[in-house]
C-alpha atoms as a PDB file:
ATOM      1  CA  MET A   1     -19.159  89.048  58.784  1.00  0.00           C
ATOM      2  CA  THR A   2     -19.100  88.274  55.076  1.00  0.00           C
ATOM      3  CA  ASN A   3     -17.747  91.752  54.319  1.00  0.00           C
ATOM      4  CA  ASN A   4     -15.013  91.313  56.934  1.00  0.00           C
ATOM      5  CA  LYS A   5     -13.971  88.014  55.400  1.00  0.00           C
ATOM      6  CA  SER A   6     -13.878  89.631  51.969  1.00  0.00           C
ATOM      7  CA  VAL A   7     -11.624  92.414  53.224  1.00  0.00           C
ATOM      8  CA  LEU A   8      -9.337  89.910  54.964  1.00  0.00           C
ATOM      9  CA  CYS A   9      -9.152  87.826  51.829  1.00  0.00           C
ATOM     10  CA  LYS A  10      -8.169  90.826  49.683  1.00  0.00           C
ATOM     11  CA  ARG A  11      -5.485  91.843  52.174  1.00  0.00           C
ATOM     12  CA  LEU A  12      -4.077  88.329  52.326  1.00  0.00           C
ATOM     13  CA  ILE A  13      -3.958  88.029  48.537  1.00  0.00           C
ATOM     14  CA  PHE A  14      -2.192  91.366  48.232  1.00  0.00           C
ATOM     15  CA  SER A  15       0.323  90.372  50.923  1.00  0.00           C
ATOM     16  CA  LEU A  16       1.132  87.149  49.079  1.00  0.00           C
ATOM     17  CA  ILE A  17       1.613  89.033  45.816  1.00  0.00           C
ATOM     18  CA  THR A  18       3.896  91.522  47.560  1.00  0.00           C
ATOM     19  CA  LEU A  19       6.033  88.737  49.009  1.00  0.00           C
ATOM     20  CA  ILE A  20       6.396  87.194  45.583  1.00  0.00           C
ATOM     21  CA  LEU A  21       7.511  90.553  44.243  1.00  0.00           C
ATOM     22  CA  MET A  22      10.079  90.895  47.008  1.00  0.00           C
ATOM     23  CA  GLY A  23      11.475  87.445  46.402  1.00  0.00           C
ATOM     24  CA  LYS A  24      11.509  87.702  42.619  1.00  0.00           C
ATOM     25  CA  PHE A  25      11.769  91.432  42.203  1.00  0.00           C
ATOM     26  CA  ALA A  26      14.153  91.244  39.279  1.00  0.00           C
ATOM     27  CA  PHE A  27      11.418  89.618  37.226  1.00  0.00           C
ATOM     28  CA  SER A  28       8.882  92.406  37.605  1.00  0.00           C
ATOM     29  CA  GLN A  29       8.396  94.919  34.825  1.00  0.00           C
ATOM     30  CA  ASP A  30       9.273  98.599  34.994  1.00  0.00           C
ATOM     31  CA  PRO A  31       6.522 101.178  35.483  1.00  0.00           C
ATOM     32  CA  GLU A  32       5.056 102.164  32.132  1.00  0.00           C
ATOM     33  CA  PHE A  33       3.018 105.017  30.724  1.00  0.00           C
ATOM     34  CA  SER A  34       0.265 104.732  28.117  1.00  0.00           C
ATOM     35  CA  GLN A  35       0.898 108.238  26.806  1.00  0.00           C
ATOM     36  CA  PHE A  36       4.229 107.103  25.425  1.00  0.00           C
ATOM     37  CA  TYR A  37       5.278 110.311  23.688  1.00  0.00           C
ATOM     38  CA  ALA A  38       3.942 112.562  26.453  1.00  0.00           C
ATOM     39  CA  ASN A  39       6.904 111.254  28.454  1.00  0.00           C
ATOM     40  CA  PRO A  40       9.454 111.014  25.633  1.00  0.00           C
ATOM     41  CA  ILE A  41      12.769 110.724  27.484  1.00  0.00           C
ATOM     42  CA  TYR A  42      11.284 108.000  29.712  1.00  0.00           C
ATOM     43  CA  LEU A  43      10.393 106.086  26.551  1.00  0.00           C
ATOM     44  CA  ASN A  44      13.768 106.682  24.909  1.00  0.00           C
ATOM     45  CA  PRO A  45      16.602 108.926  26.223  1.00  0.00           C
ATOM     46  CA  ALA A  46      17.461 109.820  22.613  1.00  0.00           C
ATOM     47  CA  PHE A  47      14.435 112.154  22.636  1.00  0.00           C
ATOM     48  CA  ALA A  48      16.315 114.531  24.959  1.00  0.00           C
ATOM     49  CA  GLY A  49      16.426 117.875  23.176  1.00  0.00           C
ATOM     50  CA  SER A  50      14.081 116.682  20.412  1.00  0.00           C
ATOM     51  CA  ALA A  51      11.859 119.775  20.822  1.00  0.00           C
ATOM     52  CA  VAL A  52      15.010 121.989  20.554  1.00  0.00           C
ATOM     53  CA  CYS A  53      13.766 124.673  22.988  1.00  0.00           C
ATOM     54  CA  PRO A  54      13.503 123.937  26.745  1.00  0.00           C
ATOM     55  CA  ARG A  55      10.477 121.996  27.967  1.00  0.00           C
ATOM     56  CA  VAL A  56       9.137 120.693  31.267  1.00  0.00           C
ATOM     57  CA  ILE A  57       6.894 117.623  31.347  1.00  0.00           C
ATOM     58  CA  LEU A  58       4.818 116.238  34.247  1.00  0.00           C
ATOM     59  CA  ASN A  59       3.119 112.824  34.224  1.00  0.00           C
ATOM     60  CA  TYR A  60       0.791 110.987  36.589  1.00  0.00           C
ATOM     61  CA  ARG A  61      -0.557 107.435  36.301  1.00  0.00           C
ATOM     62  CA  ASP A  62      -2.982 105.553  38.575  1.00  0.00           C
ATOM     63  CA  GLN A  63      -3.149 101.885  37.585  1.00  0.00           C
ATOM     64  CA  TRP A  64      -5.847  99.476  38.793  1.00  0.00           C
ATOM     65  CA  PRO A  65      -7.559 101.966  41.171  1.00  0.00           C
ATOM     66  CA  SER A  66     -10.395  99.515  41.980  1.00  0.00           C
ATOM     67  CA  ILE A  67      -8.018  96.985  43.563  1.00  0.00           C
ATOM     68  CA  THR A  68      -6.542  97.339  47.038  1.00  0.00           C
ATOM     69  CA  GLY A  69      -2.893  98.297  46.724  1.00  0.00           C
ATOM     70  CA  THR A  70      -3.057 100.418  43.577  1.00  0.00           C
ATOM     71  CA  PHE A  71       0.048 101.344  41.563  1.00  0.00           C
ATOM     72  CA  VAL A  72       0.679 105.094  41.286  1.00  0.00           C
ATOM     73  CA  THR A  73       3.560 106.562  39.274  1.00  0.00           C
ATOM     74  CA  TYR A  74       4.778 110.162  38.999  1.00  0.00           C
ATOM     75  CA  SER A  75       7.342 111.566  36.595  1.00  0.00           C
ATOM     76  CA  ALA A  76       8.891 114.986  35.986  1.00  0.00           C
ATOM     77  CA  SER A  77      11.461 115.830  33.317  1.00  0.00           C
ATOM     78  CA  TYR A  78      13.326 118.720  31.713  1.00  0.00           C
ATOM     79  CA  ASP A  79      15.241 118.707  28.444  1.00  0.00           C
ATOM     80  CA  GLN A  80      16.571 121.039  25.744  1.00  0.00           C
ATOM     81  CA  HIS A  81      19.019 121.220  22.848  1.00  0.00           C
ATOM     82  CA  VAL A  82      22.407 122.851  23.503  1.00  0.00           C
ATOM     83  CA  ASP A  83      24.321 123.991  20.427  1.00  0.00           C
ATOM     84  CA  LYS A  84      27.712 123.935  22.165  1.00  0.00           C
ATOM     85  CA  LEU A  85      27.190 120.285  23.110  1.00  0.00           C
ATOM     86  CA  ALA A  86      25.972 119.320  19.627  1.00  0.00           C
ATOM     87  CA  GLY A  87      22.957 117.624  21.156  1.00  0.00           C
ATOM     88  CA  GLY A  88      20.348 117.562  23.863  1.00  0.00           C
ATOM     89  CA  VAL A  89      20.517 117.258  27.637  1.00  0.00           C
ATOM     90  CA  GLY A  90      17.830 116.218  30.049  1.00  0.00           C
ATOM     91  CA  VAL A  91      16.984 115.140  33.587  1.00  0.00           C
ATOM     92  CA  ILE A  92      14.120 112.937  34.709  1.00  0.00           C
ATOM     93  CA  VAL A  93      12.784 112.082  38.166  1.00  0.00           C
ATOM     94  CA  THR A  94      10.398 109.153  38.623  1.00  0.00           C
ATOM     95  CA  SER A  95       8.528 108.008  41.725  1.00  0.00           C
ATOM     96  CA  ASP A  96       6.542 104.766  41.840  1.00  0.00           C
ATOM     97  CA  ARG A  97       4.264 103.634  44.701  1.00  0.00           C
ATOM     98  CA  ALA A  98       3.139 100.001  44.671  1.00  0.00           C
ATOM     99  CA  GLY A  99       0.593  98.694  47.145  1.00  0.00           C
ATOM    100  CA  GLU A 100      -0.271 102.106  48.620  1.00  0.00           C
ATOM    101  CA  GLY A 101       3.398 102.762  49.265  1.00  0.00           C
ATOM    102  CA  THR A 102       4.337  99.287  50.513  1.00  0.00           C
ATOM    103  CA  ILE A 103       7.125  99.285  47.934  1.00  0.00           C
ATOM    104  CA  SER A 104       8.317 102.717  46.778  1.00  0.00           C
ATOM    105  CA  THR A 105      10.877 103.360  44.069  1.00  0.00           C
ATOM    106  CA  ASN A 106      12.462 106.732  43.368  1.00  0.00           C
ATOM    107  CA  SER A 107      14.949 107.416  40.594  1.00  0.00           C
ATOM    108  CA  PHE A 108      16.914 110.382  39.239  1.00  0.00           C
ATOM    109  CA  SER A 109      18.708 110.332  35.884  1.00  0.00           C
ATOM    110  CA  GLY A 110      20.748 112.629  33.666  1.00  0.00           C
ATOM    111  CA  ILE A 111      20.820 112.279  29.865  1.00  0.00           C
ATOM    112  CA  TYR A 112      23.008 113.421  26.989  1.00  0.00           C
ATOM    113  CA  SER A 113      21.794 112.896  23.420  1.00  0.00           C
ATOM    114  CA  TYR A 114      24.188 113.532  20.511  1.00  0.00           C
ATOM    115  CA  ARG A 115      22.561 114.748  17.288  1.00  0.00           C
ATOM    116  CA  LEU A 116      24.032 113.802  13.900  1.00  0.00           C
ATOM    117  CA  ALA A 117      22.704 115.106  10.574  1.00  0.00           C
ATOM    118  CA  VAL A 118      23.410 112.148   8.266  1.00  0.00           C
ATOM    119  CA  THR A 119      21.888 113.790   5.213  1.00  0.00           C
ATOM    120  CA  ARG A 120      19.852 116.899   4.544  1.00  0.00           C
ATOM    121  CA  ASP A 121      16.656 114.958   5.278  1.00  0.00           C
ATOM    122  CA  PHE A 122      17.747 112.264   7.742  1.00  0.00           C
ATOM    123  CA  SER A 123      19.168 112.716  11.252  1.00  0.00           C
ATOM    124  CA  ILE A 124      20.085 110.475  14.169  1.00  0.00           C
ATOM    125  CA  ASN A 125      20.026 111.073  17.916  1.00  0.00           C
ATOM    126  CA  ALA A 126      22.099 108.719  20.092  1.00  0.00           C
ATOM    127  CA  ALA A 127      21.911 108.981  23.886  1.00  0.00           C
ATOM    128  CA  LEU A 128      23.413 107.769  27.132  1.00  0.00           C
ATOM    129  CA  GLN A 129      21.557 107.911  30.457  1.00  0.00           C
ATOM    130  CA  ALA A 130      22.951 107.479  33.967  1.00  0.00           C
ATOM    131  CA  GLY A 131      20.879 107.434  37.129  1.00  0.00           C
ATOM    132  CA  TYR A 132      20.466 106.346  40.706  1.00  0.00           C
ATOM    133  CA  VAL A 133      17.542 104.266  41.977  1.00  0.00           C
ATOM    134  CA  ASP A 134      16.361 104.010  45.590  1.00  0.00           C
ATOM    135  CA  ARG A 135      13.831 101.300  46.468  1.00  0.00           C
ATOM    136  CA  ARG A 136      12.247 101.039  49.917  1.00  0.00           C
ATOM    137  CA  LEU A 137       9.965  98.562  51.670  1.00  0.00           C
ATOM    138  CA  ALA A 138       7.387  99.733  54.254  1.00  0.00           C
ATOM    139  CA  TRP A 139       7.410  96.584  56.382  1.00  0.00           C
ATOM    140  CA  GLU A 140       4.739  97.872  58.761  1.00  0.00           C
ATOM    141  CA  LYS A 141       2.189  97.853  55.921  1.00  0.00           C
ATOM    142  CA  LEU A 142       2.567  94.129  55.240  1.00  0.00           C
ATOM    143  CA  THR A 143       0.208  91.492  56.650  1.00  0.00           C
ATOM    144  CA  PHE A 144       0.721  87.709  56.707  1.00  0.00           C
ATOM    145  CA  GLY A 145      -1.401  84.608  57.044  1.00  0.00           C
ATOM    146  CA  ASP A 146      -0.237  83.725  60.569  1.00  0.00           C
ATOM    147  CA  GLN A 147      -1.485  87.108  61.822  1.00  0.00           C
ATOM    148  CA  ILE A 148      -5.116  86.238  61.084  1.00  0.00           C
ATOM    149  CA  ASP A 149      -7.626  85.149  63.685  1.00  0.00           C
ATOM    150  CA  PRO A 150     -10.694  83.526  62.014  1.00  0.00           C
ATOM    151  CA  LYS A 151     -13.006  85.659  64.138  1.00  0.00           C
ATOM    152  CA  TYR A 152     -11.165  88.907  64.894  1.00  0.00           C
ATOM    153  CA  GLY A 153      -8.966  89.331  61.836  1.00  0.00           C
ATOM    154  CA  PHE A 154      -5.366  90.549  61.941  1.00  0.00           C
ATOM    155  CA  VAL A 155      -4.596  90.401  65.654  1.00  0.00           C
ATOM    156  CA  TYR A 156      -1.430  88.265  65.954  1.00  0.00           C
ATOM    157  CA  LYS A 157       2.143  89.496  65.665  1.00  0.00           C
ATOM    158  CA  GLY A 158       3.239  86.795  63.216  1.00  0.00           C
ATOM    159  CA  ALA A 159       6.538  84.974  62.881  1.00  0.00           C
ATOM    160  CA  THR A 160       7.813  86.421  59.606  1.00  0.00           C
ATOM    161  CA  LEU A 161      10.969  88.476  60.128  1.00  0.00           C
ATOM    162  CA  PRO A 162      11.835  91.569  58.043  1.00  0.00           C
ATOM    163  CA  PRO A 163      14.833  91.498  55.697  1.00  0.00           C
ATOM    164  CA  ASN A 164      18.191  92.795  56.931  1.00  0.00           C
ATOM    165  CA  SER A 165      17.663  96.072  55.080  1.00  0.00           C
ATOM    166  CA  LEU A 166      14.439  97.827  54.104  1.00  0.00           C
ATOM    167  CA  SER A 167      16.118  99.908  51.395  1.00  0.00           C
ATOM    168  CA  LYS A 168      18.159  99.180  48.306  1.00  0.00           C
ATOM    169  CA  GLY A 169      20.036 101.674  46.123  1.00  0.00           C
ATOM    170  CA  TYR A 170      21.918 101.135  42.887  1.00  0.00           C
ATOM    171  CA  LEU A 171      23.289 102.886  39.798  1.00  0.00           C
ATOM    172  CA  ASP A 172      21.419 102.321  36.549  1.00  0.00           C
ATOM    173  CA  PHE A 173      22.445 103.002  32.950  1.00  0.00           C
ATOM    174  CA  SER A 174      20.462 103.138  29.716  1.00  0.00           C
ATOM    175  CA  THR A 175      20.992 104.034  26.077  1.00  0.00           C
ATOM    176  CA  GLY A 176      18.878 104.835  23.047  1.00  0.00           C
ATOM    177  CA  ILE A 177      18.916 105.875  19.417  1.00  0.00           C
ATOM    178  CA  VAL A 178      16.328 107.565  17.194  1.00  0.00           C
ATOM    179  CA  GLY A 179      16.470 108.084  13.439  1.00  0.00           C
ATOM    180  CA  TYR A 180      14.058 110.473  11.784  1.00  0.00           C
ATOM    181  CA  THR A 181      13.016 112.409   8.720  1.00  0.00           C
ATOM    182  CA  GLU A 182      10.267 114.990   8.424  1.00  0.00           C
ATOM    183  CA  ASN A 183       7.593 112.304   8.042  1.00  0.00           C
ATOM    184  CA  PHE A 184       8.985 109.191   9.722  1.00  0.00           C
ATOM    185  CA  PHE A 185      10.837 108.186  12.885  1.00  0.00           C
ATOM    186  CA  CYS A 186      11.994 104.974  14.532  1.00  0.00           C
ATOM    187  CA  GLY A 187      14.134 104.123  17.522  1.00  0.00           C
ATOM    188  CA  ILE A 188      15.303 101.619  20.069  1.00  0.00           C
ATOM    189  CA  ALA A 189      16.115 102.015  23.753  1.00  0.00           C
ATOM    190  CA  ILE A 190      17.833  99.616  26.162  1.00  0.00           C
ATOM    191  CA  ASN A 191      17.331 100.104  29.895  1.00  0.00           C
ATOM    192  CA  HIS A 192      19.327  98.481  32.749  1.00  0.00           C
ATOM    193  CA  LEU A 193      22.432  97.988  30.612  1.00  0.00           C
ATOM    194  CA  THR A 194      24.514  96.627  33.497  1.00  0.00           C
ATOM    195  CA  GLU A 195      21.615  94.593  34.946  1.00  0.00           C
ATOM    196  CA  PRO A 196      22.029  95.988  38.491  1.00  0.00           C
ATOM    197  CA  GLU A 197      21.321  93.863  41.554  1.00  0.00           C
ATOM    198  CA  ASP A 198      18.049  94.338  43.413  1.00  0.00           C
ATOM    199  CA  GLY A 199      15.887  92.610  46.030  1.00  0.00           C
ATOM    200  CA  PHE A 200      15.192  92.546  49.736  1.00  0.00           C
ATOM    201  CA  TYR A 201      15.322  88.873  50.771  1.00  0.00           C
ATOM    202  CA  THR A 202      17.186  87.463  47.809  1.00  0.00           C
ATOM    203  CA  ILE A 203      19.411  89.394  45.419  1.00  0.00           C
ATOM    204  CA  ASN A 204      18.624  89.129  41.710  1.00  0.00           C
ATOM    205  CA  LYS A 205      19.692  91.027  38.627  1.00  0.00           C
ATOM    206  CA  ILE A 206      17.229  93.364  36.925  1.00  0.00           C
ATOM    207  CA  PRO A 207      17.044  92.161  33.301  1.00  0.00           C
ATOM    208  CA  MET A 208      17.526  94.582  30.437  1.00  0.00           C
ATOM    209  CA  LYS A 209      14.389  96.129  28.986  1.00  0.00           C
ATOM    210  CA  ILE A 210      14.321  96.632  25.223  1.00  0.00           C
ATOM    211  CA  THR A 211      11.934  99.101  23.606  1.00  0.00           C
ATOM    212  CA  ALA A 212      11.530  99.442  19.839  1.00  0.00           C
ATOM    213  CA  HIS A 213       9.182 102.012  18.349  1.00  0.00           C
ATOM    214  CA  ALA A 214       8.307 103.516  14.977  1.00  0.00           C
ATOM    215  CA  GLY A 215       5.769 105.917  13.560  1.00  0.00           C
ATOM    216  CA  ALA A 216       4.879 108.285  10.781  1.00  0.00           C
ATOM    217  CA  VAL A 217       3.140 111.641  10.383  1.00  0.00           C
ATOM    218  CA  ILE A 218       0.789 111.902   7.404  1.00  0.00           C
ATOM    219  CA  ASP A 219      -0.882 115.113   6.248  1.00  0.00           C
ATOM    220  CA  LEU A 220      -4.668 114.840   5.846  1.00  0.00           C
ATOM    221  CA  LEU A 221      -4.955 118.282   4.276  1.00  0.00           C
ATOM    222  CA  LYS A 222      -2.513 120.427   2.332  1.00  0.00           C
ATOM    223  CA  ARG A 223      -0.144 122.306   4.632  1.00  0.00           C
ATOM    224  CA  LYS A 224      -0.331 126.036   5.082  1.00  0.00           C
ATOM    225  CA  ASN A 225       3.474 126.293   5.148  1.00  0.00           C
ATOM    226  CA  ARG A 226       6.386 124.278   3.838  1.00  0.00           C
ATOM    227  CA  THR A 227       7.421 123.320   7.364  1.00  0.00           C
ATOM    228  CA  ARG A 228       4.919 121.233   9.315  1.00  0.00           C
ATOM    229  CA  SER A 229       3.427 122.763  12.465  1.00  0.00           C
ATOM    230  CA  ILE A 230       1.005 121.614  15.174  1.00  0.00           C
ATOM    231  CA  GLU A 231      -1.771 123.494  13.325  1.00  0.00           C
ATOM    232  CA  ASP A 232      -1.624 121.080  10.376  1.00  0.00           C
ATOM    233  CA  ILE A 233      -4.256 118.326  10.309  1.00  0.00           C
ATOM    234  CA  THR A 234      -2.419 115.001  10.458  1.00  0.00           C
ATOM    235  CA  ILE A 235      -2.758 111.331  11.338  1.00  0.00           C
ATOM    236  CA  SER A 236       0.101 109.453  12.993  1.00  0.00           C
ATOM    237  CA  PRO A 237       0.120 105.624  12.976  1.00  0.00           C
ATOM    238  CA  ASN A 238       2.525 104.086  15.506  1.00  0.00           C
ATOM    239  CA  ILE A 239       3.795 100.776  16.801  1.00  0.00           C
ATOM    240  CA  LEU A 240       5.791 100.056  19.963  1.00  0.00           C
ATOM    241  CA  TYR A 241       7.279  96.784  21.238  1.00  0.00           C
ATOM    242  CA  GLN A 242       8.792  96.125  24.679  1.00  0.00           C
ATOM    243  CA  GLN A 243      10.561  93.078  26.078  1.00  0.00           C
ATOM    244  CA  GLN A 244      11.976  92.439  29.541  1.00  0.00           C
ATOM    245  CA  LEU A 245      13.165  88.882  30.180  1.00  0.00           C
ATOM    246  CA  LYS A 246      10.157  86.649  29.317  1.00  0.00           C
ATOM    247  CA  PHE A 247       7.676  89.531  29.372  1.00  0.00           C
ATOM    248  CA  ASN A 248       6.767  91.055  26.019  1.00  0.00           C
ATOM    249  CA  GLN A 249       4.233  93.662  25.009  1.00  0.00           C
ATOM    250  CA  LEU A 250       3.036  95.036  21.689  1.00  0.00           C
ATOM    251  CA  ASN A 251       1.244  98.385  21.338  1.00  0.00           C
ATOM    252  CA  TYR A 252      -0.159  99.773  18.110  1.00  0.00           C
ATOM    253  CA  GLY A 253      -2.516 102.590  17.293  1.00  0.00           C
ATOM    254  CA  PHE A 254      -2.778 106.089  15.881  1.00  0.00           C
ATOM    255  CA  TYR A 255      -3.275 109.755  16.742  1.00  0.00           C
ATOM    256  CA  VAL A 256      -5.308 112.372  14.886  1.00  0.00           C
ATOM    257  CA  ASN A 257      -4.166 115.976  15.256  1.00  0.00           C
ATOM    258  CA  TRP A 258      -6.893 118.532  14.505  1.00  0.00           C
ATOM    259  CA  PHE A 259      -5.586 121.693  16.106  1.00  0.00           C
ATOM    260  CA  PRO A 260      -5.883 122.356  18.968  1.00  0.00           C
ATOM    261  CA  PHE A 261      -7.212 118.850  19.712  1.00  0.00           C
ATOM    262  CA  VAL A 262      -5.422 115.507  19.633  1.00  0.00           C
ATOM    263  CA  ASN A 263      -7.258 112.190  19.897  1.00  0.00           C
ATOM    264  CA  GLY A 264      -5.841 108.700  19.831  1.00  0.00           C
ATOM    265  CA  ILE A 265      -6.562 105.034  20.343  1.00  0.00           C
ATOM    266  CA  TRP A 266      -4.094 102.209  21.032  1.00  0.00           C
ATOM    267  CA  TYR A 267      -4.385  98.457  21.495  1.00  0.00           C
ATOM    268  CA  ARG A 268      -2.023  96.697  23.914  1.00  0.00           C
ATOM    269  CA  GLN A 269      -1.327  92.963  24.047  1.00  0.00           C
ATOM    270  CA  ASN A 270       1.364  90.369  24.545  1.00  0.00           C
ATOM    271  CA  PHE A 271       1.771  87.496  22.112  1.00  0.00           C
ATOM    272  CA  ASN A 272      -0.737  85.303  23.956  1.00  0.00           C
ATOM    273  CA  ASN A 273      -3.324  87.612  25.485  1.00  0.00           C
ATOM    274  CA  SER A 274      -5.064  90.939  24.990  1.00  0.00           C
ATOM    275  CA  ASP A 275      -4.517  93.560  27.662  1.00  0.00           C
ATOM    276  CA  ALA A 276      -6.197  96.918  27.081  1.00  0.00           C
ATOM    277  CA  LEU A 277      -7.618  99.523  24.759  1.00  0.00           C
ATOM    278  CA  ILE A 278      -6.136 102.968  25.387  1.00  0.00           C
ATOM    279  CA  PHE A 279      -8.261 106.044  24.664  1.00  0.00           C
ATOM    280  CA  LEU A 280      -6.643 109.479  24.651  1.00  0.00           C
ATOM    281  CA  ALA A 281      -7.856 113.060  24.402  1.00  0.00           C
ATOM    282  CA  GLY A 282      -5.542 116.040  24.506  1.00  0.00           C
ATOM    283  CA  ILE A 283      -5.247 119.701  23.747  1.00  0.00           C
ATOM    284  CA  GLN A 284      -2.085 121.500  22.658  1.00  0.00           C
ATOM    285  CA  GLN A 285      -0.931 125.021  21.981  1.00  0.00           C
ATOM    286  CA  ASN A 286       2.488 126.352  21.044  1.00  0.00           C
ATOM    287  CA  ASN A 287       3.509 126.749  24.687  1.00  0.00           C
ATOM    288  CA  PHE A 288       1.675 123.948  26.514  1.00  0.00           C
ATOM    289  CA  LYS A 289      -0.201 120.691  26.147  1.00  0.00           C
ATOM    290  CA  PHE A 290      -2.509 118.660  28.366  1.00  0.00           C
ATOM    291  CA  GLY A 291      -3.626 115.070  27.898  1.00  0.00           C
ATOM    292  CA  TYR A 292      -5.828 112.475  29.569  1.00  0.00           C
ATOM    293  CA  SER A 293      -5.956 108.780  28.747  1.00  0.00           C
ATOM    294  CA  TYR A 294      -7.834 105.763  30.049  1.00  0.00           C
ATOM    295  CA  ASP A 295      -6.808 102.122  29.754  1.00  0.00           C
ATOM    296  CA  LEU A 296      -9.873  99.914  29.305  1.00  0.00           C
ATOM    297  CA  THR A 297      -8.970  96.403  30.425  1.00  0.00           C
ATOM    298  CA  VAL A 298     -10.009  93.763  27.870  1.00  0.00           C
ATOM    299  CA  SER A 299      -8.143  90.777  29.362  1.00  0.00           C
ATOM    300  CA  LYS A 300      -9.685  88.097  31.578  1.00  0.00           C
ATOM    301  CA  LEU A 301      -9.515  90.575  34.450  1.00  0.00           C
ATOM    302  CA  THR A 302     -12.296  92.459  32.570  1.00  0.00           C
ATOM    303  CA  ASN A 303     -12.530  95.923  34.104  1.00  0.00           C
ATOM    304  CA  ILE A 304     -12.733  94.972  37.806  1.00  0.00           C
ATOM    305  CA  THR A 305      -9.270  96.542  38.066  1.00  0.00           C
ATOM    306  CA  GLY A 306     -10.666  99.974  37.229  1.00  0.00           C
ATOM    307  CA  GLY A 307      -8.291 100.210  34.269  1.00  0.00           C
ATOM    308  CA  ALA A 308      -5.766 103.036  34.483  1.00  0.00           C
ATOM    309  CA  HIS A 309      -6.008 106.815  34.461  1.00  0.00           C
ATOM    310  CA  GLU A 310      -3.164 108.930  33.164  1.00  0.00           C
ATOM    311  CA  ILE A 311      -2.613 112.687  32.986  1.00  0.00           C
ATOM    312  CA  SER A 312       0.196 114.592  31.283  1.00  0.00           C
ATOM    313  CA  PHE A 313       1.101 118.263  31.191  1.00  0.00           C
ATOM    314  CA  ALA A 314       3.949 119.963  29.349  1.00  0.00           C
ATOM    315  CA  LEU A 315       5.298 123.503  29.132  1.00  0.00           C
ATOM    316  CA  GLN A 316       7.232 124.436  26.007  1.00  0.00           C
ATOM    317  CA  PHE A 317       9.458 127.504  26.429  1.00  0.00           C
ATOM    318  CA  ARG A 318      10.634 129.803  23.696  1.00  0.00           C
ATOM    319  CA  CYS A 319      14.316 130.177  22.943  1.00  0.00           C
ATOM    320  CA  HIS A 320      16.633 132.066  20.596  1.00  0.00           C
ATOM    321  CA  GLN A 321      16.320 131.135  16.957  1.00  0.00           C
ATOM    322  CA  PRO A 322      18.128 127.769  16.795  1.00  0.00           C
ATOM    323  CA  ASN A 323      20.568 126.669  14.142  1.00  0.00           C
ATOM    324  CA  LYS A 324      18.529 126.102  10.976  1.00  0.00           C
ATOM    325  CA  LYS A 325      20.209 122.725  10.548  1.00  0.00           C
ATOM    326  CA  ILE A 326      18.652 121.565  13.830  1.00  0.00           C
ATOM    327  CA  LYS A 327      15.261 120.080  13.104  1.00  0.00           C
ATOM    328  CA  MET A 328      12.599 119.008  15.571  1.00  0.00           C
ATOM    329  CA  ILE A 329      11.434 115.398  15.573  1.00  0.00           C
ATOM    330  CA  ASN A 330       7.878 115.277  14.250  1.00  0.00           C
ATOM    331  CA  CYS A 331       6.626 112.645  16.673  1.00  0.00           C
ATOM    332  CA  PRO A 332       3.222 112.488  18.416  1.00  0.00           C
ATOM    333  CA  ALA A 333       2.465 114.860  21.272  1.00  0.00           C
ATOM    334  CA  PHE A 334       1.072 112.081  23.482  1.00  0.00           C
END
């Protein structure tokens, strides 16, 4: 009986959280990835075409797997540089499942990133992104307090009525800019520029999300060639800040590249509380890379959430010798 009560309690708590999300959906944060640079155009659309040759990237994230109603996010993207367009183009598809699919969000976006060589050593990428978002509510998966019988559990129909529509679609626009040299890069991205309307019961605006990031690539040993490659042994310190309405988050850490292996550690917090330590291990070759990361919860939740598991995979295709003036951005692989 105790186990049954525990299960009922977990379901009720999750249902209450879900209702809060539906009523205040504009105040929830966007899905995020811990392998920031393993999903570059999700982080900042200005990274479209940053690898010059075509690439395909796949990402998977399972957040809080030990709690009923886990959050699972998938992402797939393609981007490349196009000489005739003087910049990069890209497409990205994202699918997010909250509460075992109780709320599902699917989005598709197209990106154009203009590349400007300011000086011989410094370049800027500036991008615009346009997309469509479809959010759906699986009403049949929700449970409410008035459906509970103290002895038999969820047996009553309940009086709560569904919203008029179980789906919501809207256009969404973002922008970003990245400046970089051979050893340093920094950028800023702004998502939800028009603050589109969202919600099932009440309609609210989705607040803009601002992402600022910067990093450097430092050689640990003398290079074999004048131009840096993935075979050079390097360390890359990074910092990333995100803000969406009253929510803010600061991430800082570093990667060590010792070909073919990449290892990294990040620390994530807001201004009042710690959140997680992120551990990453990856392997990369000239034509592919694979990475795994784990978020170890260090907040008051401890690790009863199960942390978060994340996997990334990328295919880098070869292309015709690009314009020598077009330089790749030396940013982390993950």
